[in-house]
Amino acid sequence: MKMNSKNKVLSWYEKIAELTDCMLVLTRTRRWGDLPALETQYSDMIEQLKAIEPLHVLNAEQSAQKCRLLYVINSNQYKISSFIQPQLDALGDGLRNLELQRRLH
């Protein structure tokens, strides 16, 4: 079954929301090695969405669905960042401490 043009945009938003759900699970379970591939896939999907979205007009119901999906995507991104940032900060602190120890010896 071929998707019509109006549903194609929403389909991309749904796929991106599902992907951010997966990324959040990986983040919460500290499966860091699996994240880069999904981050690449996420970036590619965003670029594809940017290319097709301007070509399609959504009706009011579809726009409301898009807003709901954007909320999920943004919420997931915030949760992922909130979990990862302290990890990155700790890693940076550890690297600075190692560098300081190296300089002292």
PDB file of N, CA and C in Angstrom:
ATOM      1  N   MET A   1       0.837  -1.179   0.000  1.00  0.00           N
ATOM      2  CA  MET A   1       0.000   0.000   0.000  1.00  0.00           C
ATOM      3  C   MET A   1       0.885   1.246   0.000  1.00  0.00           C
ATOM      4  N   LYS A   2       0.632   2.146  -0.909  1.00  0.00           N
ATOM      5  CA  LYS A   2       1.434   3.356  -1.039  1.00  0.00           C
ATOM      6  C   LYS A   2       0.911   4.430  -0.087  1.00  0.00           C
ATOM      7  N   MET A   3       1.840   5.064   0.620  1.00  0.00           N
ATOM      8  CA  MET A   3       1.470   6.142   1.521  1.00  0.00           C
ATOM      9  C   MET A   3       1.119   7.376   0.719  1.00  0.00           C
ATOM     10  N   ASN A   4       0.096   8.098   1.150  1.00  0.00           N
ATOM     11  CA  ASN A   4      -0.142   9.363   0.461  1.00  0.00           C
ATOM     12  C   ASN A   4       0.803  10.413   1.016  1.00  0.00           C
ATOM     13  N   SER A   5       0.939  11.510   0.300  1.00  0.00           N
ATOM     14  CA  SER A   5       1.954  12.499   0.657  1.00  0.00           C
ATOM     15  C   SER A   5       1.728  13.110   2.036  1.00  0.00           C
ATOM     16  N   LYS A   6       0.499  13.279   2.441  1.00  0.00           N
ATOM     17  CA  LYS A   6       0.237  13.887   3.740  1.00  0.00           C
ATOM     18  C   LYS A   6       0.664  12.966   4.875  1.00  0.00           C
ATOM     19  N   ASN A   7       0.520  11.674   4.701  1.00  0.00           N
ATOM     20  CA  ASN A   7       0.912  10.728   5.741  1.00  0.00           C
ATOM     21  C   ASN A   7       2.418  10.474   5.757  1.00  0.00           C
ATOM     22  N   LYS A   8       3.093  10.742   4.662  1.00  0.00           N
ATOM     23  CA  LYS A   8       4.530  10.492   4.578  1.00  0.00           C
ATOM     24  C   LYS A   8       5.298  11.301   5.628  1.00  0.00           C
ATOM     25  N   VAL A   9       4.928  12.542   5.808  1.00  0.00           N
ATOM     26  CA  VAL A   9       5.593  13.392   6.794  1.00  0.00           C
ATOM     27  C   VAL A   9       5.353  12.843   8.205  1.00  0.00           C
ATOM     28  N   LEU A  10       4.111  12.518   8.511  1.00  0.00           N
ATOM     29  CA  LEU A  10       3.805  11.969   9.833  1.00  0.00           C
ATOM     30  C   LEU A  10       4.506  10.644  10.055  1.00  0.00           C
ATOM     31  N   SER A  11       4.626   9.854   9.013  1.00  0.00           N
ATOM     32  CA  SER A  11       5.336   8.581   9.121  1.00  0.00           C
ATOM     33  C   SER A  11       6.784   8.801   9.545  1.00  0.00           C
ATOM     34  N   TRP A  12       7.412   9.825   8.982  1.00  0.00           N
ATOM     35  CA  TRP A  12       8.793  10.134   9.370  1.00  0.00           C
ATOM     36  C   TRP A  12       8.870  10.578  10.834  1.00  0.00           C
ATOM     37  N   TYR A  13       7.926  11.407  11.250  1.00  0.00           N
ATOM     38  CA  TYR A  13       7.914  11.818  12.655  1.00  0.00           C
ATOM     39  C   TYR A  13       7.707  10.615  13.575  1.00  0.00           C
ATOM     40  N   GLU A  14       6.852   9.694  13.186  1.00  0.00           N
ATOM     41  CA  GLU A  14       6.627   8.489  13.991  1.00  0.00           C
ATOM     42  C   GLU A  14       7.894   7.647  14.077  1.00  0.00           C
ATOM     43  N   LYS A  15       8.579   7.479  12.951  1.00  0.00           N
ATOM     44  CA  LYS A  15       9.833   6.715  12.937  1.00  0.00           C
ATOM     45  C   LYS A  15      10.883   7.376  13.829  1.00  0.00           C
ATOM     46  N   ILE A  16      10.971   8.692  13.765  1.00  0.00           N
ATOM     47  CA  ILE A  16      11.951   9.412  14.580  1.00  0.00           C
ATOM     48  C   ILE A  16      11.592   9.290  16.060  1.00  0.00           C
ATOM     49  N   ALA A  17      10.320   9.379  16.403  1.00  0.00           N
ATOM     50  CA  ALA A  17       9.896   9.217  17.796  1.00  0.00           C
ATOM     51  C   ALA A  17      10.246   7.821  18.304  1.00  0.00           C
ATOM     52  N   GLU A  18      10.002   6.808  17.492  1.00  0.00           N
ATOM     53  CA  GLU A  18      10.346   5.432  17.873  1.00  0.00           C
ATOM     54  C   GLU A  18      11.848   5.282  18.059  1.00  0.00           C
ATOM     55  N   LEU A  19      12.615   5.906  17.182  1.00  0.00           N
ATOM     56  CA  LEU A  19      14.068   5.831  17.297  1.00  0.00           C
ATOM     57  C   LEU A  19      14.554   6.498  18.573  1.00  0.00           C
ATOM     58  N   THR A  20      13.986   7.647  18.924  1.00  0.00           N
ATOM     59  CA  THR A  20      14.408   8.301  20.167  1.00  0.00           C
ATOM     60  C   THR A  20      13.978   7.475  21.384  1.00  0.00           C
ATOM     61  N   ASP A  21      12.864   6.753  21.281  1.00  0.00           N
ATOM     62  CA  ASP A  21      12.490   5.820  22.362  1.00  0.00           C
ATOM     63  C   ASP A  21      13.582   4.771  22.550  1.00  0.00           C
ATOM     64  N   CYS A  22      14.053   4.205  21.446  1.00  0.00           N
ATOM     65  CA  CYS A  22      15.127   3.201  21.508  1.00  0.00           C
ATOM     66  C   CYS A  22      16.408   3.800  22.077  1.00  0.00           C
ATOM     67  N   MET A  23      16.726   5.020  21.641  1.00  0.00           N
ATOM     68  CA  MET A  23      17.938   5.674  22.138  1.00  0.00           C
ATOM     69  C   MET A  23      17.848   5.916  23.645  1.00  0.00           C
ATOM     70  N   LEU A  24      16.660   6.253  24.124  1.00  0.00           N
ATOM     71  CA  LEU A  24      16.471   6.480  25.552  1.00  0.00           C
ATOM     72  C   LEU A  24      16.667   5.181  26.330  1.00  0.00           C
ATOM     73  N   VAL A  25      16.161   4.083  25.815  1.00  0.00           N
ATOM     74  CA  VAL A  25      16.357   2.784  26.472  1.00  0.00           C
ATOM     75  C   VAL A  25      17.844   2.445  26.534  1.00  0.00           C
ATOM     76  N   LEU A  26      18.548   2.648  25.421  1.00  0.00           N
ATOM     77  CA  LEU A  26      19.991   2.371  25.403  1.00  0.00           C
ATOM     78  C   LEU A  26      20.728   3.250  26.408  1.00  0.00           C
ATOM     79  N   THR A  27      20.315   4.497  26.505  1.00  0.00           N
ATOM     80  CA  THR A  27      20.953   5.416  27.446  1.00  0.00           C
ATOM     81  C   THR A  27      20.721   4.968  28.886  1.00  0.00           C
ATOM     82  N   ARG A  28      19.483   4.638  29.200  1.00  0.00           N
ATOM     83  CA  ARG A  28      19.151   4.217  30.565  1.00  0.00           C
ATOM     84  C   ARG A  28      19.843   2.923  30.966  1.00  0.00           C
ATOM     85  N   THR A  29      20.104   2.060  29.983  1.00  0.00           N
ATOM     86  CA  THR A  29      20.772   0.789  30.277  1.00  0.00           C
ATOM     87  C   THR A  29      22.281   0.868  30.040  1.00  0.00           C
ATOM     88  N   ARG A  30      22.749   2.091  29.776  1.00  0.00           N
ATOM     89  CA  ARG A  30      24.177   2.366  29.603  1.00  0.00           C
ATOM     90  C   ARG A  30      24.820   1.532  28.501  1.00  0.00           C
ATOM     91  N   ARG A  31      24.092   1.330  27.437  1.00  0.00           N
ATOM     92  CA  ARG A  31      24.624   0.599  26.285  1.00  0.00           C
ATOM     93  C   ARG A  31      25.216   1.610  25.309  1.00  0.00           C
ATOM     94  N   TRP A  32      26.299   2.239  25.770  1.00  0.00           N
ATOM     95  CA  TRP A  32      26.911   3.344  25.041  1.00  0.00           C
ATOM     96  C   TRP A  32      27.360   2.942  23.647  1.00  0.00           C
ATOM     97  N   GLY A  33      27.851   1.728  23.496  1.00  0.00           N
ATOM     98  CA  GLY A  33      28.369   1.277  22.207  1.00  0.00           C
ATOM     99  C   GLY A  33      27.314   1.196  21.118  1.00  0.00           C
ATOM    100  N   ASP A  34      26.060   1.050  21.511  1.00  0.00           N
ATOM    101  CA  ASP A  34      24.972   0.947  20.534  1.00  0.00           C
ATOM    102  C   ASP A  34      24.423   2.311  20.113  1.00  0.00           C
ATOM    103  N   LEU A  35      24.753   3.348  20.853  1.00  0.00           N
ATOM    104  CA  LEU A  35      24.198   4.673  20.564  1.00  0.00           C
ATOM    105  C   LEU A  35      24.703   5.344  19.289  1.00  0.00           C
ATOM    106  N   PRO A  36      25.997   5.273  18.971  1.00  0.00           N
ATOM    107  CA  PRO A  36      26.466   5.999  17.780  1.00  0.00           C
ATOM    108  C   PRO A  36      25.733   5.628  16.493  1.00  0.00           C
ATOM    109  N   ALA A  37      25.441   4.360  16.295  1.00  0.00           N
ATOM    110  CA  ALA A  37      24.738   3.952  15.078  1.00  0.00           C
ATOM    111  C   ALA A  37      23.336   4.560  15.032  1.00  0.00           C
ATOM    112  N   LEU A  38      22.668   4.597  16.191  1.00  0.00           N
ATOM    113  CA  LEU A  38      21.334   5.183  16.222  1.00  0.00           C
ATOM    114  C   LEU A  38      21.383   6.699  16.073  1.00  0.00           C
ATOM    115  N   GLU A  39      22.425   7.321  16.605  1.00  0.00           N
ATOM    116  CA  GLU A  39      22.574   8.763  16.437  1.00  0.00           C
ATOM    117  C   GLU A  39      22.782   9.115  14.965  1.00  0.00           C
ATOM    118  N   THR A  40      23.545   8.291  14.259  1.00  0.00           N
ATOM    119  CA  THR A  40      23.749   8.495  12.819  1.00  0.00           C
ATOM    120  C   THR A  40      22.431   8.314  12.077  1.00  0.00           C
ATOM    121  N   GLN A  41      21.704   7.271  12.433  1.00  0.00           N
ATOM    122  CA  GLN A  41      20.400   7.024  11.811  1.00  0.00           C
ATOM    123  C   GLN A  41      19.449   8.185  12.086  1.00  0.00           C
ATOM    124  N   TYR A  42      19.468   8.703  13.311  1.00  0.00           N
ATOM    125  CA  TYR A  42      18.625   9.834  13.695  1.00  0.00           C
ATOM    126  C   TYR A  42      18.944  11.055  12.826  1.00  0.00           C
ATOM    127  N   SER A  43      20.217  11.372  12.696  1.00  0.00           N
ATOM    128  CA  SER A  43      20.629  12.523  11.881  1.00  0.00           C
ATOM    129  C   SER A  43      20.202  12.352  10.432  1.00  0.00           C
ATOM    130  N   ASP A  44      20.368  11.157   9.901  1.00  0.00           N
ATOM    131  CA  ASP A  44      19.960  10.891   8.519  1.00  0.00           C
ATOM    132  C   ASP A  44      18.449  11.065   8.353  1.00  0.00           C
ATOM    133  N   MET A  45      17.685  10.580   9.317  1.00  0.00           N
ATOM    134  CA  MET A  45      16.226  10.691   9.243  1.00  0.00           C
ATOM    135  C   MET A  45      15.786  12.149   9.310  1.00  0.00           C
ATOM    136  N   ILE A  46      16.434  12.935  10.160  1.00  0.00           N
ATOM    137  CA  ILE A  46      16.108  14.360  10.261  1.00  0.00           C
ATOM    138  C   ILE A  46      16.375  15.051   8.927  1.00  0.00           C
ATOM    139  N   GLU A  47      17.495  14.740   8.303  1.00  0.00           N
ATOM    140  CA  GLU A  47      17.826  15.346   7.006  1.00  0.00           C
ATOM    141  C   GLU A  47      16.791  14.964   5.952  1.00  0.00           C
ATOM    142  N   GLN A  48      16.369  13.714   5.950  1.00  0.00           N
ATOM    143  CA  GLN A  48      15.353  13.283   4.988  1.00  0.00           C
ATOM    144  C   GLN A  48      14.023  13.983   5.250  1.00  0.00           C
ATOM    145  N   LEU A  49      13.669  14.130   6.523  1.00  0.00           N
ATOM    146  CA  LEU A  49      12.432  14.823   6.873  1.00  0.00           C
ATOM    147  C   LEU A  49      12.485  16.284   6.432  1.00  0.00           C
ATOM    148  N   LYS A  50      13.619  16.925   6.649  1.00  0.00           N
ATOM    149  CA  LYS A  50      13.773  18.317   6.220  1.00  0.00           C
ATOM    150  C   LYS A  50      13.575  18.466   4.719  1.00  0.00           C
ATOM    151  N   ALA A  51      13.971  17.443   3.978  1.00  0.00           N
ATOM    152  CA  ALA A  51      13.848  17.505   2.523  1.00  0.00           C
ATOM    153  C   ALA A  51      12.402  17.338   2.055  1.00  0.00           C
ATOM    154  N   ILE A  52      11.629  16.484   2.740  1.00  0.00           N
ATOM    155  CA  ILE A  52      10.270  16.219   2.255  1.00  0.00           C
ATOM    156  C   ILE A  52       9.203  17.090   2.902  1.00  0.00           C
ATOM    157  N   GLU A  53       9.439  17.530   4.129  1.00  0.00           N
ATOM    158  CA  GLU A  53       8.384  18.250   4.853  1.00  0.00           C
ATOM    159  C   GLU A  53       7.901  19.513   4.146  1.00  0.00           C
ATOM    160  N   PRO A  54       8.796  20.337   3.600  1.00  0.00           N
ATOM    161  CA  PRO A  54       8.302  21.565   2.942  1.00  0.00           C
ATOM    162  C   PRO A  54       7.404  21.302   1.732  1.00  0.00           C
ATOM    163  N   LEU A  55       7.445  20.097   1.217  1.00  0.00           N
ATOM    164  CA  LEU A  55       6.678  19.771   0.022  1.00  0.00           C
ATOM    165  C   LEU A  55       5.236  19.368   0.332  1.00  0.00           C
ATOM    166  N   HIS A  56       4.916  19.222   1.628  1.00  0.00           N
ATOM    167  CA  HIS A  56       3.610  18.683   2.004  1.00  0.00           C
ATOM    168  C   HIS A  56       2.911  19.592   3.013  1.00  0.00           C
ATOM    169  N   VAL A  57       1.627  19.713   2.847  1.00  0.00           N
ATOM    170  CA  VAL A  57       0.801  20.502   3.757  1.00  0.00           C
ATOM    171  C   VAL A  57      -0.009  19.526   4.610  1.00  0.00           C
ATOM    172  N   LEU A  58       0.006  19.764   5.921  1.00  0.00           N
ATOM    173  CA  LEU A  58      -0.763  18.919   6.829  1.00  0.00           C
ATOM    174  C   LEU A  58      -2.070  19.611   7.192  1.00  0.00           C
ATOM    175  N   ASN A  59      -3.122  18.819   7.351  1.00  0.00           N
ATOM    176  CA  ASN A  59      -4.384  19.397   7.815  1.00  0.00           C
ATOM    177  C   ASN A  59      -4.310  19.584   9.329  1.00  0.00           C
ATOM    178  N   ALA A  60      -5.337  20.114   9.928  1.00  0.00           N
ATOM    179  CA  ALA A  60      -5.326  20.428  11.367  1.00  0.00           C
ATOM    180  C   ALA A  60      -5.085  19.184  12.225  1.00  0.00           C
ATOM    181  N   GLU A  61      -5.746  18.099  11.895  1.00  0.00           N
ATOM    182  CA  GLU A  61      -5.574  16.862  12.667  1.00  0.00           C
ATOM    183  C   GLU A  61      -4.148  16.332  12.544  1.00  0.00           C
ATOM    184  N   GLN A  62      -3.605  16.377  11.342  1.00  0.00           N
ATOM    185  CA  GLN A  62      -2.233  15.921  11.120  1.00  0.00           C
ATOM    186  C   GLN A  62      -1.226  16.845  11.813  1.00  0.00           C
ATOM    187  N   SER A  63      -1.509  18.136  11.801  1.00  0.00           N
ATOM    188  CA  SER A  63      -0.632  19.078  12.507  1.00  0.00           C
ATOM    189  C   SER A  63      -0.638  18.814  14.008  1.00  0.00           C
ATOM    190  N   ALA A  64      -1.799  18.489  14.552  1.00  0.00           N
ATOM    191  CA  ALA A  64      -1.890  18.156  15.977  1.00  0.00           C
ATOM    192  C   ALA A  64      -1.091  16.887  16.280  1.00  0.00           C
ATOM    193  N   GLN A  65      -1.181  15.897  15.402  1.00  0.00           N
ATOM    194  CA  GLN A  65      -0.404  14.654  15.568  1.00  0.00           C
ATOM    195  C   GLN A  65       1.086  14.949  15.490  1.00  0.00           C
ATOM    196  N   LYS A  66       1.472  15.809  14.556  1.00  0.00           N
ATOM    197  CA  LYS A  66       2.876  16.211  14.435  1.00  0.00           C
ATOM    198  C   LYS A  66       3.356  16.853  15.732  1.00  0.00           C
ATOM    199  N   CYS A  67       2.538  17.715  16.323  1.00  0.00           N
ATOM    200  CA  CYS A  67       2.897  18.373  17.585  1.00  0.00           C
ATOM    201  C   CYS A  67       3.075  17.349  18.708  1.00  0.00           C
ATOM    202  N   ARG A  68       2.191  16.366  18.760  1.00  0.00           N
ATOM    203  CA  ARG A  68       2.321  15.308  19.779  1.00  0.00           C
ATOM    204  C   ARG A  68       3.615  14.520  19.592  1.00  0.00           C
ATOM    205  N   LEU A  69       3.929  14.220  18.354  1.00  0.00           N
ATOM    206  CA  LEU A  69       5.156  13.479  18.077  1.00  0.00           C
ATOM    207  C   LEU A  69       6.397  14.318  18.387  1.00  0.00           C
ATOM    208  N   LEU A  70       6.340  15.595  18.064  1.00  0.00           N
ATOM    209  CA  LEU A  70       7.461  16.482  18.404  1.00  0.00           C
ATOM    210  C   LEU A  70       7.665  16.564  19.909  1.00  0.00           C
ATOM    211  N   TYR A  71       6.574  16.551  20.653  1.00  0.00           N
ATOM    212  CA  TYR A  71       6.679  16.561  22.119  1.00  0.00           C
ATOM    213  C   TYR A  71       7.411  15.308  22.599  1.00  0.00           C
ATOM    214  N   VAL A  72       7.049  14.157  22.051  1.00  0.00           N
ATOM    215  CA  VAL A  72       7.710  12.899  22.429  1.00  0.00           C
ATOM    216  C   VAL A  72       9.188  12.954  22.071  1.00  0.00           C
ATOM    217  N   ILE A  73       9.487  13.385  20.865  1.00  0.00           N
ATOM    218  CA  ILE A  73      10.878  13.456  20.404  1.00  0.00           C
ATOM    219  C   ILE A  73      11.689  14.402  21.292  1.00  0.00           C
ATOM    220  N   ASN A  74      11.166  15.597  21.529  1.00  0.00           N
ATOM    221  CA  ASN A  74      11.885  16.566  22.363  1.00  0.00           C
ATOM    222  C   ASN A  74      12.032  16.083  23.801  1.00  0.00           C
ATOM    223  N   SER A  75      11.005  15.459  24.330  1.00  0.00           N
ATOM    224  CA  SER A  75      11.066  14.916  25.684  1.00  0.00           C
ATOM    225  C   SER A  75      12.145  13.833  25.779  1.00  0.00           C
ATOM    226  N   ASN A  76      12.165  12.946  24.794  1.00  0.00           N
ATOM    227  CA  ASN A  76      13.190  11.895  24.789  1.00  0.00           C
ATOM    228  C   ASN A  76      14.586  12.487  24.673  1.00  0.00           C
ATOM    229  N   GLN A  77      14.745  13.476  23.806  1.00  0.00           N
ATOM    230  CA  GLN A  77      16.059  14.117  23.655  1.00  0.00           C
ATOM    231  C   GLN A  77      16.507  14.761  24.968  1.00  0.00           C
ATOM    232  N   TYR A  78      15.584  15.419  25.647  1.00  0.00           N
ATOM    233  CA  TYR A  78      15.917  16.049  26.920  1.00  0.00           C
ATOM    234  C   TYR A  78      16.342  14.992  27.948  1.00  0.00           C
ATOM    235  N   LYS A  79      15.600  13.901  28.034  1.00  0.00           N
ATOM    236  CA  LYS A  79      15.930  12.832  28.988  1.00  0.00           C
ATOM    237  C   LYS A  79      17.287  12.212  28.663  1.00  0.00           C
ATOM    238  N   ILE A  80      17.544  12.001  27.383  1.00  0.00           N
ATOM    239  CA  ILE A  80      18.833  11.440  26.971  1.00  0.00           C
ATOM    240  C   ILE A  80      19.955  12.392  27.370  1.00  0.00           C
ATOM    241  N   SER A  81      19.802  13.669  27.047  1.00  0.00           N
ATOM    242  CA  SER A  81      20.828  14.665  27.398  1.00  0.00           C
ATOM    243  C   SER A  81      21.021  14.767  28.899  1.00  0.00           C
ATOM    244  N   SER A  82      19.925  14.725  29.643  1.00  0.00           N
ATOM    245  CA  SER A  82      20.005  14.822  31.103  1.00  0.00           C
ATOM    246  C   SER A  82      20.763  13.650  31.693  1.00  0.00           C
ATOM    247  N   PHE A  83      20.675  12.500  31.056  1.00  0.00           N
ATOM    248  CA  PHE A  83      21.382  11.331  31.563  1.00  0.00           C
ATOM    249  C   PHE A  83      22.833  11.320  31.100  1.00  0.00           C
ATOM    250  N   ILE A  84      23.059  11.712  29.857  1.00  0.00           N
ATOM    251  CA  ILE A  84      24.405  11.641  29.294  1.00  0.00           C
ATOM    252  C   ILE A  84      25.310  12.752  29.801  1.00  0.00           C
ATOM    253  N   GLN A  85      24.792  13.966  29.972  1.00  0.00           N
ATOM    254  CA  GLN A  85      25.655  15.094  30.341  1.00  0.00           C
ATOM    255  C   GLN A  85      26.442  14.857  31.625  1.00  0.00           C
ATOM    256  N   PRO A  86      25.824  14.363  32.703  1.00  0.00           N
ATOM    257  CA  PRO A  86      26.636  14.081  33.899  1.00  0.00           C
ATOM    258  C   PRO A  86      27.711  13.019  33.634  1.00  0.00           C
ATOM    259  N   GLN A  87      27.416  12.055  32.777  1.00  0.00           N
ATOM    260  CA  GLN A  87      28.403  11.037  32.423  1.00  0.00           C
ATOM    261  C   GLN A  87      29.581  11.678  31.687  1.00  0.00           C
ATOM    262  N   LEU A  88      29.275  12.584  30.761  1.00  0.00           N
ATOM    263  CA  LEU A  88      30.336  13.276  30.027  1.00  0.00           C
ATOM    264  C   LEU A  88      31.152  14.177  30.949  1.00  0.00           C
ATOM    265  N   ASP A  89      30.467  14.845  31.871  1.00  0.00           N
ATOM    266  CA  ASP A  89      31.168  15.699  32.833  1.00  0.00           C
ATOM    267  C   ASP A  89      32.123  14.871  33.696  1.00  0.00           C
ATOM    268  N   ALA A  90      31.663  13.711  34.156  1.00  0.00           N
ATOM    269  CA  ALA A  90      32.504  12.835  34.983  1.00  0.00           C
ATOM    270  C   ALA A  90      33.694  12.326  34.172  1.00  0.00           C
ATOM    271  N   LEU A  91      33.456  11.984  32.925  1.00  0.00           N
ATOM    272  CA  LEU A  91      34.545  11.532  32.062  1.00  0.00           C
ATOM    273  C   LEU A  91      35.568  12.645  31.867  1.00  0.00           C
ATOM    274  N   GLY A  92      35.080  13.860  31.623  1.00  0.00           N
ATOM    275  CA  GLY A  92      35.988  14.999  31.470  1.00  0.00           C
ATOM    276  C   GLY A  92      36.799  15.255  32.726  1.00  0.00           C
ATOM    277  N   ASP A  93      36.153  15.160  33.893  1.00  0.00           N
ATOM    278  CA  ASP A  93      36.866  15.324  35.161  1.00  0.00           C
ATOM    279  C   ASP A  93      37.932  14.246  35.322  1.00  0.00           C
ATOM    280  N   GLY A  94      37.592  13.013  34.984  1.00  0.00           N
ATOM    281  CA  GLY A  94      38.553  11.910  35.075  1.00  0.00           C
ATOM    282  C   GLY A  94      39.744  12.121  34.163  1.00  0.00           C
ATOM    283  N   LEU A  95      39.490  12.592  32.959  1.00  0.00           N
ATOM    284  CA  LEU A  95      40.586  12.849  32.022  1.00  0.00           C
ATOM    285  C   LEU A  95      41.478  13.986  32.509  1.00  0.00           C
ATOM    286  N   ARG A  96      40.866  15.033  33.069  1.00  0.00           N
ATOM    287  CA  ARG A  96      41.665  16.145  33.608  1.00  0.00           C
ATOM    288  C   ARG A  96      42.523  15.668  34.787  1.00  0.00           C
ATOM    289  N   ASN A  97      41.959  14.823  35.633  1.00  0.00           N
ATOM    290  CA  ASN A  97      42.727  14.293  36.765  1.00  0.00           C
ATOM    291  C   ASN A  97      43.887  13.433  36.289  1.00  0.00           C
ATOM    292  N   LEU A  98      43.654  12.623  35.272  1.00  0.00           N
ATOM    293  CA  LEU A  98      44.737  11.804  34.712  1.00  0.00           C
ATOM    294  C   LEU A  98      45.836  12.675  34.133  1.00  0.00           C
ATOM    295  N   GLU A  99      45.451  13.730  33.440  1.00  0.00           N
ATOM    296  CA  GLU A  99      46.435  14.644  32.860  1.00  0.00           C
ATOM    297  C   GLU A  99      47.233  15.337  33.960  1.00  0.00           C
ATOM    298  N   LEU A 100      46.564  15.740  35.014  1.00  0.00           N
ATOM    299  CA  LEU A 100      47.247  16.376  36.148  1.00  0.00           C
ATOM    300  C   LEU A 100      48.225  15.402  36.794  1.00  0.00           C
ATOM    301  N   GLN A 101      47.806  14.158  37.006  1.00  0.00           N
ATOM    302  CA  GLN A 101      48.694  13.152  37.591  1.00  0.00           C
ATOM    303  C   GLN A 101      49.901  12.893  36.686  1.00  0.00           C
ATOM    304  N   ARG A 102      49.644  12.865  35.389  1.00  0.00           N
ATOM    305  CA  ARG A 102      50.736  12.632  34.434  1.00  0.00           C
ATOM    306  C   ARG A 102      51.755  13.762  34.521  1.00  0.00           C
ATOM    307  N   ARG A 103      51.270  14.992  34.650  1.00  0.00           N
ATOM    308  CA  ARG A 103      52.179  16.148  34.722  1.00  0.00           C
ATOM    309  C   ARG A 103      52.973  16.161  36.022  1.00  0.00           C
ATOM    310  N   LEU A 104      52.380  15.650  37.108  1.00  0.00           N
ATOM    311  CA  LEU A 104      53.052  15.636  38.397  1.00  0.00           C
ATOM    312  C   LEU A 104      54.116  14.554  38.494  1.00  0.00           C
ATOM    313  N   HIS A 105      54.048  13.575  37.642  1.00  0.00           N
ATOM    314  CA  HIS A 105      55.022  12.463  37.715  1.00  0.00           C
ATOM    315  C   HIS A 105      56.067  12.609  36.722  1.00  0.00           C
TER     316      HIS A 105
END
